[in-house]
C-alpha cells in the first residue's frame, strides 16, 4: 500500500450515503480512518469495488452503519467504511471505480434508506 492519494467514498454511521474525498492510501491512514485493523470486502465485481472496514467492528460493537446483501442473507456493517477500487496489478488500492450515484443505488438495493 502506497502513500499516494486516491479518490474514495467514505461512509460514516451518521451519514445516509457518505461522501467523496481524496485520502492517503497508506496503511496507517486507512487504519486511522476505520479506527482499527482493516479488512477488505469485494462489494462489486465489474468494475471491482472494494470496501475497507474495521475487521473487529462487530466485536468492538462499533456503531451500525448500513445493511449489505440481499433479503435472506445480509450483514450489518459497523463503523466507518472506505469504498475504493483496486490497482491493475491487484497490489494496491486505487480510485473508486463507481460514481456516487451508483454507490447510492448499491445501498438502496441492499435495503438501506437513502
N, C-alpha and C. Protein backbone atom coordinates (compact mmCIF):
# COMPACT_ATOMS: atom_id res chain seq x y z
N UNK A 1 0.84 -1.16 0.00
CA UNK A 1 0.00 0.00 0.00
C UNK A 1 0.89 1.23 0.00
N UNK A 2 0.59 2.12 -0.89
CA UNK A 2 1.43 3.30 -1.03
C UNK A 2 0.84 4.48 -0.26
N UNK A 3 1.57 5.57 -0.27
CA UNK A 3 1.13 6.79 0.38
C UNK A 3 0.43 7.72 -0.62
N UNK A 4 0.18 7.22 -1.83
CA UNK A 4 -0.48 8.03 -2.85
C UNK A 4 -1.91 8.36 -2.43
N UNK A 5 -2.41 9.48 -2.93
CA UNK A 5 -3.80 9.86 -2.66
C UNK A 5 -4.71 9.15 -3.66
N UNK A 6 -5.83 8.67 -3.16
CA UNK A 6 -6.82 8.03 -4.02
C UNK A 6 -8.19 8.65 -3.75
N UNK A 7 -9.04 8.63 -4.75
CA UNK A 7 -10.41 9.12 -4.63
C UNK A 7 -11.27 7.99 -4.09
N UNK A 8 -11.98 8.25 -2.99
CA UNK A 8 -12.77 7.22 -2.33
C UNK A 8 -14.13 7.78 -1.93
N UNK A 9 -15.01 6.87 -1.53
CA UNK A 9 -16.24 7.23 -0.85
C UNK A 9 -16.06 6.78 0.59
N UNK A 10 -16.26 7.70 1.52
CA UNK A 10 -16.22 7.34 2.94
C UNK A 10 -17.64 7.42 3.45
N UNK A 11 -18.08 6.38 4.15
CA UNK A 11 -19.41 6.38 4.76
C UNK A 11 -19.26 6.14 6.24
N UNK A 12 -19.64 7.16 7.00
CA UNK A 12 -19.65 7.06 8.45
C UNK A 12 -21.05 6.65 8.89
N UNK A 13 -21.19 6.07 10.08
CA UNK A 13 -22.52 5.64 10.54
C UNK A 13 -23.56 6.76 10.59
N UNK A 14 -23.13 7.99 10.78
CA UNK A 14 -24.10 9.09 10.89
C UNK A 14 -24.44 9.73 9.54
N UNK A 15 -23.98 9.14 8.43
CA UNK A 15 -24.26 9.67 7.10
C UNK A 15 -25.21 8.73 6.35
N UNK A 16 -26.14 9.31 5.57
CA UNK A 16 -27.07 8.49 4.78
C UNK A 16 -26.33 7.70 3.71
N UNK A 17 -25.47 8.37 2.94
CA UNK A 17 -24.78 7.69 1.84
C UNK A 17 -23.27 7.88 1.88
N UNK A 18 -22.79 8.81 2.66
CA UNK A 18 -21.35 9.06 2.72
C UNK A 18 -20.97 10.29 1.92
N UNK A 19 -19.69 10.36 1.57
CA UNK A 19 -19.18 11.49 0.81
C UNK A 19 -17.93 11.08 0.04
N UNK A 20 -17.65 11.80 -1.02
CA UNK A 20 -16.48 11.55 -1.86
C UNK A 20 -15.35 12.45 -1.39
N UNK A 21 -14.15 11.86 -1.29
CA UNK A 21 -12.98 12.63 -0.88
C UNK A 21 -11.73 11.96 -1.41
N UNK A 22 -10.59 12.61 -1.22
CA UNK A 22 -9.29 12.04 -1.56
C UNK A 22 -8.55 11.78 -0.26
N UNK A 23 -7.98 10.58 -0.13
CA UNK A 23 -7.23 10.24 1.09
C UNK A 23 -5.92 9.55 0.72
N UNK A 24 -5.02 9.52 1.67
CA UNK A 24 -3.78 8.77 1.52
C UNK A 24 -4.11 7.28 1.62
N UNK A 25 -3.53 6.49 0.73
CA UNK A 25 -3.77 5.05 0.74
C UNK A 25 -2.78 4.30 1.63
N UNK A 26 -2.07 5.02 2.50
CA UNK A 26 -1.13 4.33 3.40
C UNK A 26 -1.90 3.49 4.41
N UNK A 27 -1.31 2.39 4.81
CA UNK A 27 -1.95 1.51 5.79
C UNK A 27 -2.30 2.27 7.06
N UNK A 28 -1.38 3.09 7.52
CA UNK A 28 -1.60 3.87 8.75
C UNK A 28 -2.84 4.76 8.63
N UNK A 29 -3.00 5.43 7.49
CA UNK A 29 -4.15 6.31 7.30
C UNK A 29 -5.46 5.52 7.17
N UNK A 30 -5.41 4.41 6.45
CA UNK A 30 -6.61 3.58 6.31
C UNK A 30 -7.06 3.06 7.67
N UNK A 31 -6.11 2.60 8.48
CA UNK A 31 -6.44 2.12 9.82
C UNK A 31 -7.00 3.25 10.69
N UNK A 32 -6.44 4.42 10.57
CA UNK A 32 -6.94 5.57 11.33
C UNK A 32 -8.38 5.88 10.93
N UNK A 33 -8.66 5.82 9.64
CA UNK A 33 -10.00 6.15 9.14
C UNK A 33 -11.06 5.17 9.64
N UNK A 34 -10.72 3.86 9.65
CA UNK A 34 -11.71 2.86 10.10
C UNK A 34 -11.55 2.52 11.58
N UNK A 35 -10.62 3.18 12.25
CA UNK A 35 -10.40 3.04 13.69
C UNK A 35 -9.98 1.63 14.11
N UNK A 36 -9.05 1.04 13.35
CA UNK A 36 -8.53 -0.27 13.72
C UNK A 36 -7.94 -0.99 12.53
N UNK A 37 -7.64 -2.27 12.74
CA UNK A 37 -7.09 -3.09 11.65
C UNK A 37 -8.11 -3.18 10.52
N UNK A 38 -7.60 -3.18 9.29
CA UNK A 38 -8.51 -3.19 8.15
C UNK A 38 -8.83 -4.59 7.67
N UNK A 39 -10.02 -4.70 7.11
CA UNK A 39 -10.49 -5.89 6.42
C UNK A 39 -11.05 -5.41 5.10
N UNK A 40 -10.83 -6.16 4.03
CA UNK A 40 -11.38 -5.77 2.74
C UNK A 40 -12.47 -6.76 2.31
N UNK A 41 -13.50 -6.20 1.69
CA UNK A 41 -14.62 -7.00 1.19
C UNK A 41 -14.93 -6.50 -0.21
N UNK A 42 -15.02 -7.41 -1.17
CA UNK A 42 -15.40 -7.04 -2.54
C UNK A 42 -16.92 -6.88 -2.56
N UNK A 43 -17.38 -5.68 -2.95
CA UNK A 43 -18.82 -5.43 -2.99
C UNK A 43 -19.35 -5.31 -4.42
N UNK A 44 -18.48 -5.29 -5.38
CA UNK A 44 -18.86 -5.25 -6.79
C UNK A 44 -17.75 -5.82 -7.64
N UNK A 45 -18.11 -6.60 -8.64
CA UNK A 45 -17.11 -7.30 -9.45
C UNK A 45 -16.73 -6.59 -10.75
N UNK A 46 -17.66 -5.95 -11.41
CA UNK A 46 -17.35 -5.38 -12.72
C UNK A 46 -17.93 -3.99 -12.82
N UNK A 47 -17.23 -2.96 -12.43
CA UNK A 47 -15.83 -2.96 -12.01
C UNK A 47 -15.67 -3.43 -10.56
N UNK A 48 -14.45 -3.79 -10.21
CA UNK A 48 -14.16 -4.29 -8.87
C UNK A 48 -14.22 -3.14 -7.87
N UNK A 49 -15.17 -3.24 -6.94
CA UNK A 49 -15.37 -2.24 -5.90
C UNK A 49 -15.03 -2.89 -4.57
N UNK A 50 -14.18 -2.24 -3.79
CA UNK A 50 -13.71 -2.81 -2.53
C UNK A 50 -14.16 -1.93 -1.36
N UNK A 51 -14.63 -2.59 -0.32
CA UNK A 51 -14.96 -1.89 0.92
C UNK A 51 -13.87 -2.22 1.93
N UNK A 52 -13.33 -1.19 2.55
CA UNK A 52 -12.35 -1.34 3.62
C UNK A 52 -13.07 -0.99 4.92
N UNK A 53 -13.03 -1.92 5.87
CA UNK A 53 -13.71 -1.68 7.14
C UNK A 53 -12.84 -2.16 8.29
N UNK A 54 -13.29 -1.92 9.50
CA UNK A 54 -12.60 -2.37 10.71
C UNK A 54 -12.88 -3.87 10.87
N UNK A 55 -11.83 -4.69 10.89
CA UNK A 55 -12.03 -6.14 10.95
C UNK A 55 -12.68 -6.62 12.24
N UNK A 56 -12.66 -5.79 13.28
CA UNK A 56 -13.27 -6.17 14.55
C UNK A 56 -14.46 -5.26 14.90
N UNK A 57 -15.08 -4.69 13.88
CA UNK A 57 -16.18 -3.76 14.10
C UNK A 57 -17.31 -4.35 14.93
N UNK A 58 -17.64 -5.61 14.68
CA UNK A 58 -18.72 -6.26 15.44
C UNK A 58 -18.28 -6.57 16.86
N UNK A 59 -17.07 -7.09 17.00
CA UNK A 59 -16.55 -7.44 18.33
C UNK A 59 -16.46 -6.19 19.20
N UNK A 60 -16.02 -5.08 18.59
CA UNK A 60 -15.88 -3.83 19.33
C UNK A 60 -17.22 -3.10 19.50
N UNK A 61 -18.27 -3.67 18.89
CA UNK A 61 -19.62 -3.08 18.95
C UNK A 61 -19.63 -1.64 18.46
N UNK A 62 -18.93 -1.44 17.32
CA UNK A 62 -18.95 -0.11 16.70
C UNK A 62 -20.38 0.20 16.25
N UNK A 63 -20.65 1.47 16.06
CA UNK A 63 -21.99 1.91 15.67
C UNK A 63 -22.40 1.28 14.33
N UNK A 64 -23.67 0.87 14.21
CA UNK A 64 -24.19 0.32 12.96
C UNK A 64 -24.11 1.36 11.87
N UNK A 65 -23.66 0.91 10.69
CA UNK A 65 -23.52 1.82 9.56
C UNK A 65 -24.60 1.54 8.51
N UNK A 66 -24.58 0.34 7.92
CA UNK A 66 -25.58 0.01 6.90
C UNK A 66 -25.72 -1.49 6.75
N UNK A 67 -26.78 -1.87 6.07
CA UNK A 67 -27.07 -3.27 5.77
C UNK A 67 -26.46 -3.57 4.40
N UNK A 68 -25.88 -4.76 4.26
CA UNK A 68 -25.27 -5.16 2.99
C UNK A 68 -25.72 -6.56 2.64
N UNK A 69 -26.16 -6.78 1.42
CA UNK A 69 -26.58 -8.10 0.97
C UNK A 69 -28.01 -8.11 0.49
N UNK A 70 -28.59 -9.31 0.46
CA UNK A 70 -29.95 -9.47 -0.04
C UNK A 70 -30.98 -9.54 1.07
N UNK A 71 -32.17 -10.02 0.70
CA UNK A 71 -33.26 -10.09 1.67
C UNK A 71 -33.07 -11.23 2.67
N UNK A 72 -32.51 -12.34 2.23
CA UNK A 72 -32.36 -13.50 3.12
C UNK A 72 -31.00 -13.50 3.79
N UNK A 73 -29.95 -13.34 3.01
CA UNK A 73 -28.60 -13.32 3.55
C UNK A 73 -28.06 -11.90 3.50
N UNK A 74 -27.86 -11.32 4.67
CA UNK A 74 -27.33 -9.97 4.74
C UNK A 74 -26.46 -9.83 5.97
N UNK A 75 -25.74 -8.73 6.02
CA UNK A 75 -24.86 -8.45 7.14
C UNK A 75 -25.03 -6.98 7.51
N UNK A 76 -24.83 -6.68 8.76
CA UNK A 76 -24.84 -5.29 9.21
C UNK A 76 -23.38 -4.85 9.33
N UNK A 77 -23.03 -3.81 8.59
CA UNK A 77 -21.68 -3.28 8.60
C UNK A 77 -21.60 -2.22 9.70
N UNK A 78 -20.53 -2.30 10.48
CA UNK A 78 -20.36 -1.39 11.62
C UNK A 78 -19.13 -0.51 11.44
N UNK A 79 -19.23 0.71 11.95
CA UNK A 79 -18.10 1.63 11.89
C UNK A 79 -17.97 2.30 10.53
N UNK A 80 -17.00 3.16 10.43
CA UNK A 80 -16.72 3.89 9.19
C UNK A 80 -16.13 2.95 8.14
N UNK A 81 -16.56 3.10 6.90
CA UNK A 81 -16.01 2.30 5.80
C UNK A 81 -15.47 3.20 4.70
N UNK A 82 -14.54 2.64 3.94
CA UNK A 82 -13.95 3.31 2.79
C UNK A 82 -14.29 2.47 1.57
N UNK A 83 -14.82 3.10 0.52
CA UNK A 83 -15.13 2.40 -0.72
C UNK A 83 -14.11 2.86 -1.76
N UNK A 84 -13.41 1.90 -2.34
CA UNK A 84 -12.35 2.24 -3.30
C UNK A 84 -12.28 1.18 -4.39
N UNK A 85 -11.26 1.27 -5.21
CA UNK A 85 -11.00 0.31 -6.26
C UNK A 85 -9.69 -0.41 -6.00
N UNK A 86 -9.25 -1.12 -7.01
CA UNK A 86 -8.01 -1.90 -6.92
C UNK A 86 -7.12 -1.55 -8.09
N UNK A 87 -5.82 -1.47 -7.85
CA UNK A 87 -4.88 -1.17 -8.94
C UNK A 87 -4.91 -2.30 -9.96
N UNK A 88 -4.43 -2.02 -11.16
CA UNK A 88 -4.44 -3.02 -12.24
C UNK A 88 -3.71 -4.30 -11.85
N UNK A 89 -2.62 -4.17 -11.09
CA UNK A 89 -1.87 -5.37 -10.70
C UNK A 89 -2.45 -6.04 -9.45
N UNK A 90 -3.48 -5.45 -8.86
CA UNK A 90 -4.12 -6.03 -7.69
C UNK A 90 -3.34 -5.90 -6.41
N UNK A 91 -2.28 -5.09 -6.42
CA UNK A 91 -1.41 -4.96 -5.26
C UNK A 91 -1.73 -3.78 -4.35
N UNK A 92 -2.44 -2.80 -4.89
CA UNK A 92 -2.71 -1.58 -4.14
C UNK A 92 -4.17 -1.19 -4.29
N UNK A 93 -4.60 -0.27 -3.43
CA UNK A 93 -5.91 0.32 -3.57
C UNK A 93 -5.81 1.44 -4.59
N UNK A 94 -6.95 1.73 -5.25
CA UNK A 94 -6.98 2.75 -6.30
C UNK A 94 -8.27 3.55 -6.18
N UNK A 95 -8.41 4.53 -7.07
CA UNK A 95 -9.62 5.36 -7.08
C UNK A 95 -10.87 4.48 -7.16
N UNK A 96 -11.92 4.94 -6.50
CA UNK A 96 -13.18 4.23 -6.53
C UNK A 96 -13.67 4.21 -8.00
N UNK A 97 -14.03 3.01 -8.52
CA UNK A 97 -14.37 2.91 -9.94
C UNK A 97 -15.85 3.19 -10.27
N UNK A 98 -16.63 3.57 -9.26
CA UNK A 98 -18.04 3.89 -9.50
C UNK A 98 -18.29 5.33 -9.03
N UNK A 99 -19.35 5.93 -9.57
CA UNK A 99 -19.68 7.28 -9.12
C UNK A 99 -20.58 7.21 -7.88
N UNK A 100 -20.80 8.36 -7.27
CA UNK A 100 -21.54 8.43 -6.03
C UNK A 100 -22.99 7.95 -6.20
N UNK A 101 -23.61 8.26 -7.33
CA UNK A 101 -24.99 7.82 -7.58
C UNK A 101 -25.07 6.29 -7.65
N UNK A 102 -24.08 5.66 -8.25
CA UNK A 102 -24.05 4.19 -8.31
C UNK A 102 -23.91 3.63 -6.90
N UNK A 103 -23.06 4.24 -6.07
CA UNK A 103 -22.92 3.80 -4.67
C UNK A 103 -24.26 3.88 -3.94
N UNK A 104 -24.99 4.96 -4.16
CA UNK A 104 -26.30 5.11 -3.51
C UNK A 104 -27.26 4.02 -3.98
N UNK A 105 -27.16 3.62 -5.25
CA UNK A 105 -28.01 2.53 -5.75
C UNK A 105 -27.65 1.21 -5.07
N UNK A 106 -26.35 0.96 -4.82
CA UNK A 106 -25.93 -0.23 -4.07
C UNK A 106 -26.63 -0.24 -2.70
N UNK A 107 -26.50 0.87 -1.98
CA UNK A 107 -27.08 0.95 -0.63
C UNK A 107 -28.59 0.71 -0.65
N UNK A 108 -29.26 1.32 -1.60
CA UNK A 108 -30.72 1.16 -1.71
C UNK A 108 -31.08 -0.29 -2.04
N UNK A 109 -30.34 -0.92 -2.97
CA UNK A 109 -30.60 -2.31 -3.35
C UNK A 109 -30.42 -3.27 -2.16
N UNK A 110 -29.54 -2.92 -1.24
CA UNK A 110 -29.30 -3.75 -0.06
C UNK A 110 -30.35 -3.53 1.02
N UNK A 111 -31.26 -2.58 0.80
CA UNK A 111 -32.34 -2.35 1.76
C UNK A 111 -32.13 -1.19 2.69
N UNK A 112 -31.24 -0.28 2.35
CA UNK A 112 -31.00 0.91 3.19
C UNK A 112 -31.82 2.08 2.68
N UNK A 113 -32.26 2.93 3.57
CA UNK A 113 -32.96 4.15 3.19
C UNK A 113 -31.94 5.20 2.83
N UNK A 114 -32.12 5.82 1.67
CA UNK A 114 -31.19 6.86 1.21
C UNK A 114 -31.94 8.18 1.12
